[in-house]
C-alpha atoms as a PDB file:
ATOM      1  CA  UNK A   1      76.368  75.486  17.927  1.00  0.00           C
ATOM      2  CA  UNK A   2      73.419  75.064  20.303  1.00  0.00           C
ATOM      3  CA  UNK A   3      71.307  78.180  20.849  1.00  0.00           C
ATOM      4  CA  UNK A   4      69.949  77.763  24.360  1.00  0.00           C
ATOM      5  CA  UNK A   5      71.018  76.203  27.654  1.00  0.00           C
ATOM      6  CA  UNK A   6      68.264  74.619  29.720  1.00  0.00           C
ATOM      7  CA  UNK A   7      69.659  74.781  33.239  1.00  0.00           C
ATOM      8  CA  UNK A   8      68.286  72.487  35.944  1.00  0.00           C
ATOM      9  CA  UNK A   9      69.425  72.780  39.566  1.00  0.00           C
ATOM     10  CA  UNK A  10      68.622  69.575  41.411  1.00  0.00           C
ATOM     11  CA  UNK A  11      68.877  68.080  44.879  1.00  0.00           C
ATOM     12  CA  UNK A  12      67.643  64.532  45.500  1.00  0.00           C
ATOM     13  CA  UNK A  13      65.214  64.659  42.600  1.00  0.00           C
ATOM     14  CA  UNK A  14      65.988  61.356  40.879  1.00  0.00           C
ATOM     15  CA  UNK A  15      62.264  60.559  41.123  1.00  0.00           C
ATOM     16  CA  UNK A  16      61.144  63.669  39.185  1.00  0.00           C
ATOM     17  CA  UNK A  17      63.966  64.217  36.677  1.00  0.00           C
ATOM     18  CA  UNK A  18      62.844  61.452  34.258  1.00  0.00           C
ATOM     19  CA  UNK A  19      59.724  63.382  33.257  1.00  0.00           C
ATOM     20  CA  UNK A  20      61.787  66.454  32.417  1.00  0.00           C
ATOM     21  CA  UNK A  21      64.238  64.267  30.501  1.00  0.00           C
ATOM     22  CA  UNK A  22      61.404  62.765  28.435  1.00  0.00           C
ATOM     23  CA  UNK A  23      60.068  66.217  27.612  1.00  0.00           C
ATOM     24  CA  UNK A  24      63.505  67.303  26.405  1.00  0.00           C
ATOM     25  CA  UNK A  25      63.923  64.181  24.278  1.00  0.00           C
ATOM     26  CA  UNK A  26      60.536  64.994  22.725  1.00  0.00           C
ATOM     27  CA  UNK A  27      61.553  68.509  21.654  1.00  0.00           C
ATOM     28  CA  UNK A  28      60.879  69.176  17.974  1.00  0.00           C
ATOM     29  CA  UNK A  29      64.407  70.572  17.617  1.00  0.00           C
ATOM     30  CA  UNK A  30      67.458  69.632  19.662  1.00  0.00           C
ATOM     31  CA  UNK A  31      69.234  72.988  19.401  1.00  0.00           C
ATOM     32  CA  UNK A  32      69.896  73.104  23.162  1.00  0.00           C
ATOM     33  CA  UNK A  33      72.120  71.865  25.968  1.00  0.00           C
ATOM     34  CA  UNK A  34      70.637  70.431  29.149  1.00  0.00           C
ATOM     35  CA  UNK A  35      72.920  71.620  31.939  1.00  0.00           C
ATOM     36  CA  UNK A  36      72.319  69.870  35.262  1.00  0.00           C
ATOM     37  CA  UNK A  37      73.935  71.273  38.396  1.00  0.00           C
ATOM     38  CA  UNK A  38      73.577  68.641  41.089  1.00  0.00           C
ATOM     39  CA  UNK A  39      73.578  70.337  44.495  1.00  0.00           C
ATOM     40  CA  UNK A  40      74.992  67.382  46.428  1.00  0.00           C
ATOM     41  CA  UNK A  41      72.285  64.765  45.741  1.00  0.00           C
ATOM     42  CA  UNK A  42      72.585  61.419  47.522  1.00  0.00           C
ATOM     43  CA  UNK A  43      69.808  59.544  45.756  1.00  0.00           C
ATOM     44  CA  UNK A  44      71.623  58.192  42.717  1.00  0.00           C
ATOM     45  CA  UNK A  45      71.042  61.235  40.510  1.00  0.00           C
ATOM     46  CA  UNK A  46      74.601  60.988  39.175  1.00  0.00           C
ATOM     47  CA  UNK A  47      74.082  57.409  37.917  1.00  0.00           C
ATOM     48  CA  UNK A  48      70.744  58.322  36.393  1.00  0.00           C
ATOM     49  CA  UNK A  49      72.244  61.219  34.454  1.00  0.00           C
ATOM     50  CA  UNK A  50      75.261  59.121  33.446  1.00  0.00           C
ATOM     51  CA  UNK A  51      72.914  56.638  31.760  1.00  0.00           C
ATOM     52  CA  UNK A  52      71.155  59.449  29.901  1.00  0.00           C
ATOM     53  CA  UNK A  53      74.453  60.861  28.693  1.00  0.00           C
ATOM     54  CA  UNK A  54      75.364  57.425  27.354  1.00  0.00           C
ATOM     55  CA  UNK A  55      72.028  57.222  25.529  1.00  0.00           C
ATOM     56  CA  UNK A  56      73.134  60.321  23.588  1.00  0.00           C
ATOM     57  CA  UNK A  57      69.558  61.362  22.736  1.00  0.00           C
ATOM     58  CA  UNK A  58      70.217  64.974  23.682  1.00  0.00           C
ATOM     59  CA  UNK A  59      73.319  66.906  24.691  1.00  0.00           C
ATOM     60  CA  UNK A  60      73.704  66.848  28.482  1.00  0.00           C
ATOM     61  CA  UNK A  61      76.315  68.511  30.663  1.00  0.00           C
ATOM     62  CA  UNK A  62      76.493  67.496  34.316  1.00  0.00           C
ATOM     63  CA  UNK A  63      78.217  69.230  37.215  1.00  0.00           C
ATOM     64  CA  UNK A  64      78.066  68.173  40.860  1.00  0.00           C
ATOM     65  CA  UNK A  65      78.833  70.498  43.756  1.00  0.00           C
ATOM     66  CA  UNK A  66      78.642  70.350  47.527  1.00  0.00           C
ATOM     67  CA  UNK A  67      75.207  71.222  48.839  1.00  0.00           C
ATOM     68  CA  UNK A  68      75.124  75.020  48.648  1.00  0.00           C
ATOM     69  CA  UNK A  69      71.537  75.855  47.698  1.00  0.00           C
ATOM     70  CA  UNK A  70      69.729  76.857  44.534  1.00  0.00           C
ATOM     71  CA  UNK A  71      71.228  80.342  44.372  1.00  0.00           C
ATOM     72  CA  UNK A  72      74.808  79.046  44.229  1.00  0.00           C
ATOM     73  CA  UNK A  73      73.767  76.351  41.750  1.00  0.00           C
ATOM     74  CA  UNK A  74      72.356  79.128  39.566  1.00  0.00           C
ATOM     75  CA  UNK A  75      75.630  81.060  39.741  1.00  0.00           C
ATOM     76  CA  UNK A  76      77.522  77.948  38.641  1.00  0.00           C
ATOM     77  CA  UNK A  77      75.005  77.233  35.882  1.00  0.00           C
ATOM     78  CA  UNK A  78      75.412  80.693  34.359  1.00  0.00           C
ATOM     79  CA  UNK A  79      79.191  80.421  34.682  1.00  0.00           C
ATOM     80  CA  UNK A  80      79.166  77.146  32.694  1.00  0.00           C
ATOM     81  CA  UNK A  81      76.783  78.370  29.981  1.00  0.00           C
ATOM     82  CA  UNK A  82      78.232  79.040  26.530  1.00  0.00           C
ATOM     83  CA  UNK A  83      75.034  79.398  24.476  1.00  0.00           C
ATOM     84  CA  UNK A  84      73.313  82.660  23.497  1.00  0.00           C
ATOM     85  CA  UNK A  85      70.255  82.031  25.689  1.00  0.00           C
ATOM     86  CA  UNK A  86      69.860  80.690  29.221  1.00  0.00           C
ATOM     87  CA  UNK A  87      66.757  79.494  31.046  1.00  0.00           C
ATOM     88  CA  UNK A  88      66.065  77.602  34.263  1.00  0.00           C
ATOM     89  CA  UNK A  89      63.687  74.634  34.298  1.00  0.00           C
ATOM     90  CA  UNK A  90      63.291  73.105  37.736  1.00  0.00           C
ATOM     91  CA  UNK A  91      63.755  69.382  38.258  1.00  0.00           C
ATOM     92  CA  UNK A  92      60.073  68.749  39.004  1.00  0.00           C
ATOM     93  CA  UNK A  93      58.804  70.592  35.902  1.00  0.00           C
ATOM     94  CA  UNK A  94      58.870  70.008  32.138  1.00  0.00           C
ATOM     95  CA  UNK A  95      58.508  71.706  28.742  1.00  0.00           C
ATOM     96  CA  UNK A  96      55.932  71.356  25.992  1.00  0.00           C
ATOM     97  CA  UNK A  97      57.317  69.528  22.955  1.00  0.00           C
ATOM     98  CA  UNK A  98      57.717  72.662  20.818  1.00  0.00           C
ATOM     99  CA  UNK A  99      59.171  74.884  23.546  1.00  0.00           C
ATOM    100  CA  UNK A 100      62.760  75.168  22.332  1.00  0.00           C
ATOM    101  CA  UNK A 101      61.651  75.598  18.713  1.00  0.00           C
ATOM    102  CA  UNK A 102      59.058  78.243  19.617  1.00  0.00           C
ATOM    103  CA  UNK A 103      61.478  80.168  21.837  1.00  0.00           C
ATOM    104  CA  UNK A 104      64.344  80.177  19.343  1.00  0.00           C
ATOM    105  CA  UNK A 105      62.066  81.083  16.419  1.00  0.00           C
ATOM    106  CA  UNK A 106      60.492  83.906  18.421  1.00  0.00           C
ATOM    107  CA  UNK A 107      63.896  85.232  19.512  1.00  0.00           C
ATOM    108  CA  UNK A 108      65.300  85.172  15.985  1.00  0.00           C
ATOM    109  CA  UNK A 109      62.294  86.925  14.436  1.00  0.00           C
ATOM    110  CA  UNK A 110      61.993  89.785  16.902  1.00  0.00           C
ATOM    111  CA  UNK A 111      64.154  92.860  17.334  1.00  0.00           C
ATOM    112  CA  UNK A 112      66.129  91.378  20.214  1.00  0.00           C
ATOM    113  CA  UNK A 113      69.112  93.724  19.978  1.00  0.00           C
ATOM    114  CA  UNK A 114      67.772  95.786  22.861  1.00  0.00           C
ATOM    115  CA  UNK A 115      66.092  92.921  24.704  1.00  0.00           C
ATOM    116  CA  UNK A 116      67.443  91.058  27.709  1.00  0.00           C
ATOM    117  CA  UNK A 117      65.397  87.955  26.972  1.00  0.00           C
ATOM    118  CA  UNK A 118      61.893  86.515  26.771  1.00  0.00           C
ATOM    119  CA  UNK A 119      58.996  86.217  29.200  1.00  0.00           C
ATOM    120  CA  UNK A 120      56.834  83.181  28.408  1.00  0.00           C
ATOM    121  CA  UNK A 121      53.845  81.697  30.183  1.00  0.00           C
ATOM    122  CA  UNK A 122      53.690  78.739  32.558  1.00  0.00           C
ATOM    123  CA  UNK A 123      50.904  76.209  32.991  1.00  0.00           C
ATOM    124  CA  UNK A 124      49.996  73.329  35.234  1.00  0.00           C
ATOM    125  CA  UNK A 125      50.517  69.751  34.132  1.00  0.00           C
ATOM    126  CA  UNK A 126      46.813  69.586  33.216  1.00  0.00           C
ATOM    127  CA  UNK A 127      47.254  72.491  30.768  1.00  0.00           C
ATOM    128  CA  UNK A 128      45.691  75.293  32.837  1.00  0.00           C
ATOM    129  CA  UNK A 129      47.670  78.519  32.615  1.00  0.00           C
ATOM    130  CA  UNK A 130      49.097  79.961  35.823  1.00  0.00           C
ATOM    131  CA  UNK A 131      50.285  83.129  34.075  1.00  0.00           C
ATOM    132  CA  UNK A 132      47.904  85.964  33.213  1.00  0.00           C
ATOM    133  CA  UNK A 133      48.437  89.545  32.088  1.00  0.00           C
ATOM    134  CA  UNK A 134      45.706  92.192  31.984  1.00  0.00           C
ATOM    135  CA  UNK A 135      47.494  94.245  29.322  1.00  0.00           C
ATOM    136  CA  UNK A 136      47.560  91.830  26.399  1.00  0.00           C
ATOM    137  CA  UNK A 137      48.954  94.264  23.838  1.00  0.00           C
ATOM    138  CA  UNK A 138      52.356  95.073  25.285  1.00  0.00           C
ATOM    139  CA  UNK A 139      55.235  93.521  23.342  1.00  0.00           C
ATOM    140  CA  UNK A 140      58.033  94.025  25.859  1.00  0.00           C
ATOM    141  CA  UNK A 141      58.512  95.120  29.453  1.00  0.00           C
ATOM    142  CA  UNK A 142      60.733  94.800  32.477  1.00  0.00           C
ATOM    143  CA  UNK A 143      59.608  92.107  34.892  1.00  0.00           C
ATOM    144  CA  UNK A 144      58.973  94.543  37.743  1.00  0.00           C
ATOM    145  CA  UNK A 145      56.871  96.788  35.511  1.00  0.00           C
ATOM    146  CA  UNK A 146      54.859  93.788  34.322  1.00  0.00           C
ATOM    147  CA  UNK A 147      53.880  92.849  37.867  1.00  0.00           C
ATOM    148  CA  UNK A 148      53.365  96.362  39.211  1.00  0.00           C
ATOM    149  CA  UNK A 149      51.690  98.112  36.265  1.00  0.00           C
ATOM    150  CA  UNK A 150      50.643  95.677  33.533  1.00  0.00           C
ATOM    151  CA  UNK A 151      48.639  93.250  35.641  1.00  0.00           C
ATOM    152  CA  UNK A 152      50.960  90.258  35.365  1.00  0.00           C
ATOM    153  CA  UNK A 153      49.966  87.508  37.793  1.00  0.00           C
ATOM    154  CA  UNK A 154      51.481  84.113  38.529  1.00  0.00           C
ATOM    155  CA  UNK A 155      54.821  82.533  37.727  1.00  0.00           C
ATOM    156  CA  UNK A 156      56.538  82.947  34.370  1.00  0.00           C
ATOM    157  CA  UNK A 157      59.225  81.236  32.326  1.00  0.00           C
ATOM    158  CA  UNK A 158      62.179  83.581  31.868  1.00  0.00           C
ATOM    159  CA  UNK A 159      64.713  83.084  29.092  1.00  0.00           C
ATOM    160  CA  UNK A 160      67.689  85.426  29.360  1.00  0.00           C
ATOM    161  CA  UNK A 161      70.423  86.578  27.049  1.00  0.00           C
ATOM    162  CA  UNK A 162      73.481  84.889  28.536  1.00  0.00           C
ATOM    163  CA  UNK A 163      75.562  88.024  27.973  1.00  0.00           C
ATOM    164  CA  UNK A 164      73.161  89.926  30.239  1.00  0.00           C
ATOM    165  CA  UNK A 165      72.463  87.409  32.999  1.00  0.00           C
ATOM    166  CA  UNK A 166      76.166  86.520  33.322  1.00  0.00           C
ATOM    167  CA  UNK A 167      76.826  90.072  34.565  1.00  0.00           C
ATOM    168  CA  UNK A 168      75.084  89.326  37.862  1.00  0.00           C
ATOM    169  CA  UNK A 169      75.379  86.792  40.669  1.00  0.00           C
ATOM    170  CA  UNK A 170      73.481  85.893  43.805  1.00  0.00           C
ATOM    171  CA  UNK A 171      75.365  86.829  46.991  1.00  0.00           C
ATOM    172  CA  UNK A 172      76.729  84.032  49.161  1.00  0.00           C
ATOM    173  CA  UNK A 173      76.049  84.096  52.906  1.00  0.00           C
ATOM    174  CA  UNK A 174      77.732  81.538  55.127  1.00  0.00           C
ATOM    175  CA  UNK A 175      75.186  79.232  56.710  1.00  0.00           C
ATOM    176  CA  UNK A 176      72.445  80.225  54.259  1.00  0.00           C
ATOM    177  CA  UNK A 177      71.457  78.575  50.974  1.00  0.00           C
ATOM    178  CA  UNK A 178      68.805  80.763  49.378  1.00  0.00           C
ATOM    179  CA  UNK A 179      68.360  84.260  47.992  1.00  0.00           C
ATOM    180  CA  UNK A 180      65.031  85.176  46.338  1.00  0.00           C
ATOM    181  CA  UNK A 181      65.233  84.893  42.554  1.00  0.00           C
ATOM    182  CA  UNK A 182      63.852  88.417  42.263  1.00  0.00           C
ATOM    183  CA  UNK A 183      67.231  89.683  43.524  1.00  0.00           C
ATOM    184  CA  UNK A 184      68.733  88.740  40.163  1.00  0.00           C
ATOM    185  CA  UNK A 185      65.681  89.705  38.110  1.00  0.00           C
ATOM    186  CA  UNK A 186      65.738  93.249  39.497  1.00  0.00           C
ATOM    187  CA  UNK A 187      69.349  93.619  38.356  1.00  0.00           C
ATOM    188  CA  UNK A 188      68.601  92.299  34.870  1.00  0.00           C
ATOM    189  CA  UNK A 189      65.706  94.780  34.600  1.00  0.00           C
ATOM    190  CA  UNK A 190      68.277  97.592  34.520  1.00  0.00           C
ATOM    191  CA  UNK A 191      69.633  96.370  31.182  1.00  0.00           C
ATOM    192  CA  UNK A 192      66.445  96.338  29.126  1.00  0.00           C
ATOM    193  CA  UNK A 193      63.089  94.724  28.552  1.00  0.00           C
ATOM    194  CA  UNK A 194      61.848  91.175  28.088  1.00  0.00           C
ATOM    195  CA  UNK A 195      59.989  90.258  24.920  1.00  0.00           C
ATOM    196  CA  UNK A 196      56.522  88.829  25.689  1.00  0.00           C
ATOM    197  CA  UNK A 197      55.721  85.356  24.349  1.00  0.00           C
ATOM    198  CA  UNK A 198      52.134  84.875  25.594  1.00  0.00           C
ATOM    199  CA  UNK A 199      51.991  81.106  25.212  1.00  0.00           C
ATOM    200  CA  UNK A 200      52.569  78.272  27.667  1.00  0.00           C
ATOM    201  CA  UNK A 201      56.062  76.841  27.153  1.00  0.00           C
ATOM    202  CA  UNK A 202      56.647  75.416  30.624  1.00  0.00           C
ATOM    203  CA  UNK A 203      54.491  73.137  32.783  1.00  0.00           C
ATOM    204  CA  UNK A 204      54.891  72.624  36.491  1.00  0.00           C
ATOM    205  CA  UNK A 205      53.627  71.077  39.668  1.00  0.00           C
ATOM    206  CA  UNK A 206      53.985  72.453  43.165  1.00  0.00           C
ATOM    207  CA  UNK A 207      55.392  69.621  45.245  1.00  0.00           C
ATOM    208  CA  UNK A 208      55.038  69.465  49.014  1.00  0.00           C
ATOM    209  CA  UNK A 209      58.811  69.729  49.441  1.00  0.00           C
ATOM    210  CA  UNK A 210      59.366  72.250  46.652  1.00  0.00           C
ATOM    211  CA  UNK A 211      60.598  75.845  46.960  1.00  0.00           C
ATOM    212  CA  UNK A 212      57.205  77.427  46.315  1.00  0.00           C
ATOM    213  CA  UNK A 213      55.440  75.504  49.067  1.00  0.00           C
ATOM    214  CA  UNK A 214      58.263  76.113  51.548  1.00  0.00           C
ATOM    215  CA  UNK A 215      58.828  79.856  51.226  1.00  0.00           C
ATOM    216  CA  UNK A 216      58.130  80.419  54.933  1.00  0.00           C
ATOM    217  CA  UNK A 217      60.794  77.897  55.897  1.00  0.00           C
ATOM    218  CA  UNK A 218      63.230  79.354  53.359  1.00  0.00           C
ATOM    219  CA  UNK A 219      62.704  82.833  54.743  1.00  0.00           C
ATOM    220  CA  UNK A 220      63.234  81.746  58.340  1.00  0.00           C
ATOM    221  CA  UNK A 221      66.452  79.883  57.461  1.00  0.00           C
ATOM    222  CA  UNK A 222      67.868  82.478  55.063  1.00  0.00           C
ATOM    223  CA  UNK A 223      67.026  85.918  56.495  1.00  0.00           C
ATOM    224  CA  UNK A 224      70.208  87.644  55.241  1.00  0.00           C
ATOM    225  CA  UNK A 225      69.519  86.484  51.703  1.00  0.00           C
ATOM    226  CA  UNK A 226      66.021  87.905  51.832  1.00  0.00           C
ATOM    227  CA  UNK A 227      67.281  91.121  53.419  1.00  0.00           C
ATOM    228  CA  UNK A 228      69.814  91.473  50.577  1.00  0.00           C
ATOM    229  CA  UNK A 229      66.946  91.213  48.080  1.00  0.00           C
ATOM    230  CA  UNK A 230      65.009  93.997  49.805  1.00  0.00           C
ATOM    231  CA  UNK A 231      68.069  96.290  50.021  1.00  0.00           C
ATOM    232  CA  UNK A 232      68.816  95.641  46.361  1.00  0.00           C
ATOM    233  CA  UNK A 233      65.252  96.575  45.460  1.00  0.00           C
ATOM    234  CA  UNK A 234      65.533  99.785  47.508  1.00  0.00           C
ATOM    235  CA  UNK A 235      68.608 100.800  45.525  1.00  0.00           C
ATOM    236  CA  UNK A 236      66.695 100.297  42.277  1.00  0.00           C
ATOM    237  CA  UNK A 237      63.311 101.724  43.363  1.00  0.00           C
ATOM    238  CA  UNK A 238      62.231 104.799  41.406  1.00  0.00           C
ATOM    239  CA  UNK A 239      58.877 105.854  42.842  1.00  0.00           C
ATOM    240  CA  UNK A 240      58.542 107.138  46.398  1.00  0.00           C
ATOM    241  CA  UNK A 241      55.688 104.730  47.000  1.00  0.00           C
ATOM    242  CA  UNK A 242      58.001 101.794  46.260  1.00  0.00           C
ATOM    243  CA  UNK A 243      60.746 103.284  48.420  1.00  0.00           C
ATOM    244  CA  UNK A 244      58.395 103.674  51.382  1.00  0.00           C
ATOM    245  CA  UNK A 245      56.900 100.187  51.089  1.00  0.00           C
ATOM    246  CA  UNK A 246      60.282  98.491  50.667  1.00  0.00           C
ATOM    247  CA  UNK A 247      61.764 100.477  53.550  1.00  0.00           C
ATOM    248  CA  UNK A 248      58.978  99.138  55.776  1.00  0.00           C
ATOM    249  CA  UNK A 249      59.785  95.597  54.590  1.00  0.00           C
ATOM    250  CA  UNK A 250      63.466  96.301  55.194  1.00  0.00           C
ATOM    251  CA  UNK A 251      62.826  97.225  58.828  1.00  0.00           C
ATOM    252  CA  UNK A 252      60.664  94.142  59.380  1.00  0.00           C
ATOM    253  CA  UNK A 253      63.354  91.862  57.964  1.00  0.00           C
ATOM    254  CA  UNK A 254      66.084  93.587  59.981  1.00  0.00           C
ATOM    255  CA  UNK A 255      64.159  92.748  63.127  1.00  0.00           C
ATOM    256  CA  UNK A 256      63.577  89.201  61.883  1.00  0.00           C
ATOM    257  CA  UNK A 257      67.263  88.647  61.052  1.00  0.00           C
ATOM    258  CA  UNK A 258      68.511  90.345  64.255  1.00  0.00           C
ATOM    259  CA  UNK A 259      70.288  93.077  62.303  1.00  0.00           C
ATOM    260  CA  UNK A 260      71.068  95.687  64.956  1.00  0.00           C
ATOM    261  CA  UNK A 261      72.436  98.457  62.724  1.00  0.00           C
ATOM    262  CA  UNK A 262      69.076  98.965  61.067  1.00  0.00           C
ATOM    263  CA  UNK A 263      69.318 102.690  60.579  1.00  0.00           C
ATOM    264  CA  UNK A 264      73.002 103.078  59.709  1.00  0.00           C
ATOM    265  CA  UNK A 265      72.904 100.260  57.119  1.00  0.00           C
ATOM    266  CA  UNK A 266      69.676 101.450  55.564  1.00  0.00           C
ATOM    267  CA  UNK A 267      69.596 102.810  52.016  1.00  0.00           C
ATOM    268  CA  UNK A 268      67.374 105.642  53.273  1.00  0.00           C
ATOM    269  CA  UNK A 269      68.164 106.196  56.987  1.00  0.00           C
ATOM    270  CA  UNK A 270      65.727 109.081  57.544  1.00  0.00           C
ATOM    271  CA  UNK A 271      62.900 107.253  55.775  1.00  0.00           C
ATOM    272  CA  UNK A 272      63.685 104.143  57.826  1.00  0.00           C
ATOM    273  CA  UNK A 273      63.500 106.163  61.035  1.00  0.00           C
ATOM    274  CA  UNK A 274      60.187 107.784  60.076  1.00  0.00           C
ATOM    275  CA  UNK A 275      58.539 104.504  59.009  1.00  0.00           C
ATOM    276  CA  UNK A 276      60.090 102.385  61.773  1.00  0.00           C
ATOM    277  CA  UNK A 277      56.802 101.822  63.688  1.00  0.00           C
ATOM    278  CA  UNK A 278      55.208 100.471  60.498  1.00  0.00           C
ATOM    279  CA  UNK A 279      58.138  98.120  59.973  1.00  0.00           C
ATOM    280  CA  UNK A 280      57.793  96.878  63.530  1.00  0.00           C
ATOM    281  CA  UNK A 281      54.079  96.299  62.992  1.00  0.00           C
ATOM    282  CA  UNK A 282      54.782  94.361  59.772  1.00  0.00           C
ATOM    283  CA  UNK A 283      57.279  92.162  61.587  1.00  0.00           C
ATOM    284  CA  UNK A 284      54.735  91.184  64.245  1.00  0.00           C
ATOM    285  CA  UNK A 285      51.912  90.825  61.714  1.00  0.00           C
ATOM    286  CA  UNK A 286      53.741  88.823  59.004  1.00  0.00           C
ATOM    287  CA  UNK A 287      57.224  87.647  59.932  1.00  0.00           C
ATOM    288  CA  UNK A 288      57.397  86.840  63.642  1.00  0.00           C
ATOM    289  CA  UNK A 289      55.328  83.659  63.275  1.00  0.00           C
ATOM    290  CA  UNK A 290      57.755  82.366  60.632  1.00  0.00           C
ATOM    291  CA  UNK A 291      60.420  81.800  63.282  1.00  0.00           C
ATOM    292  CA  UNK A 292      58.509  78.638  64.182  1.00  0.00           C
ATOM    293  CA  UNK A 293      58.649  77.237  60.633  1.00  0.00           C
END
């Protein structure tokens, strides 16, 4: 049975998917399933994938849904996964040729009984790493701790235990199609630590119409999804510094999303009231201009 599911959410990416497909065909071991969740593409993606399935070079599973956004595609991808490990590789990115072999070997050799998955590095197509960590000796950590205390910078490749990640889902808000990925990562952090694989497994490009380059637009169109992420983080925050900073962000996003019950729906009503002026300032300084995006 295959060990890992490589999940790819896609929407009108028939022009970028072939490079990812080639990188998967070039894998040194084929102990994986490529699961494509097509989020309502209208560019012939279905015919492209059908041809690849008929080639039978790698095992491909294809599911098409009405356009619902990446978060809902992720929920469906996890639901359909039957392998031990699950990872997301976006449609405009690709893997190095030894990625699946390196990941599976690393997972099998380490004490993964208490681990929720693996954190591996990402690089650009030209080979330059976009992931750095100041503390190079740590063997495992939660994702939040890595960014806040261990000096982790840049994007990472995350490979999760399917048993763990299947416990959580992104919320669904009518009229919105995006919730920050960190919403889910914060929940997974509760269950244990990620093993650190400090090598580039995943290569990417930041396209003009990609998620990374359009975060302002995503935020302006999906304010409730972003607000849900902040409230979720407030529930999980441990230090008072984190609680204060996230409460300020909460207030700013409440104003941005026209949430009127800002105090009563707050995780920390008194703290929200005390820091309200700072939240208002943050809204004007950072978020108000995004309404034009």
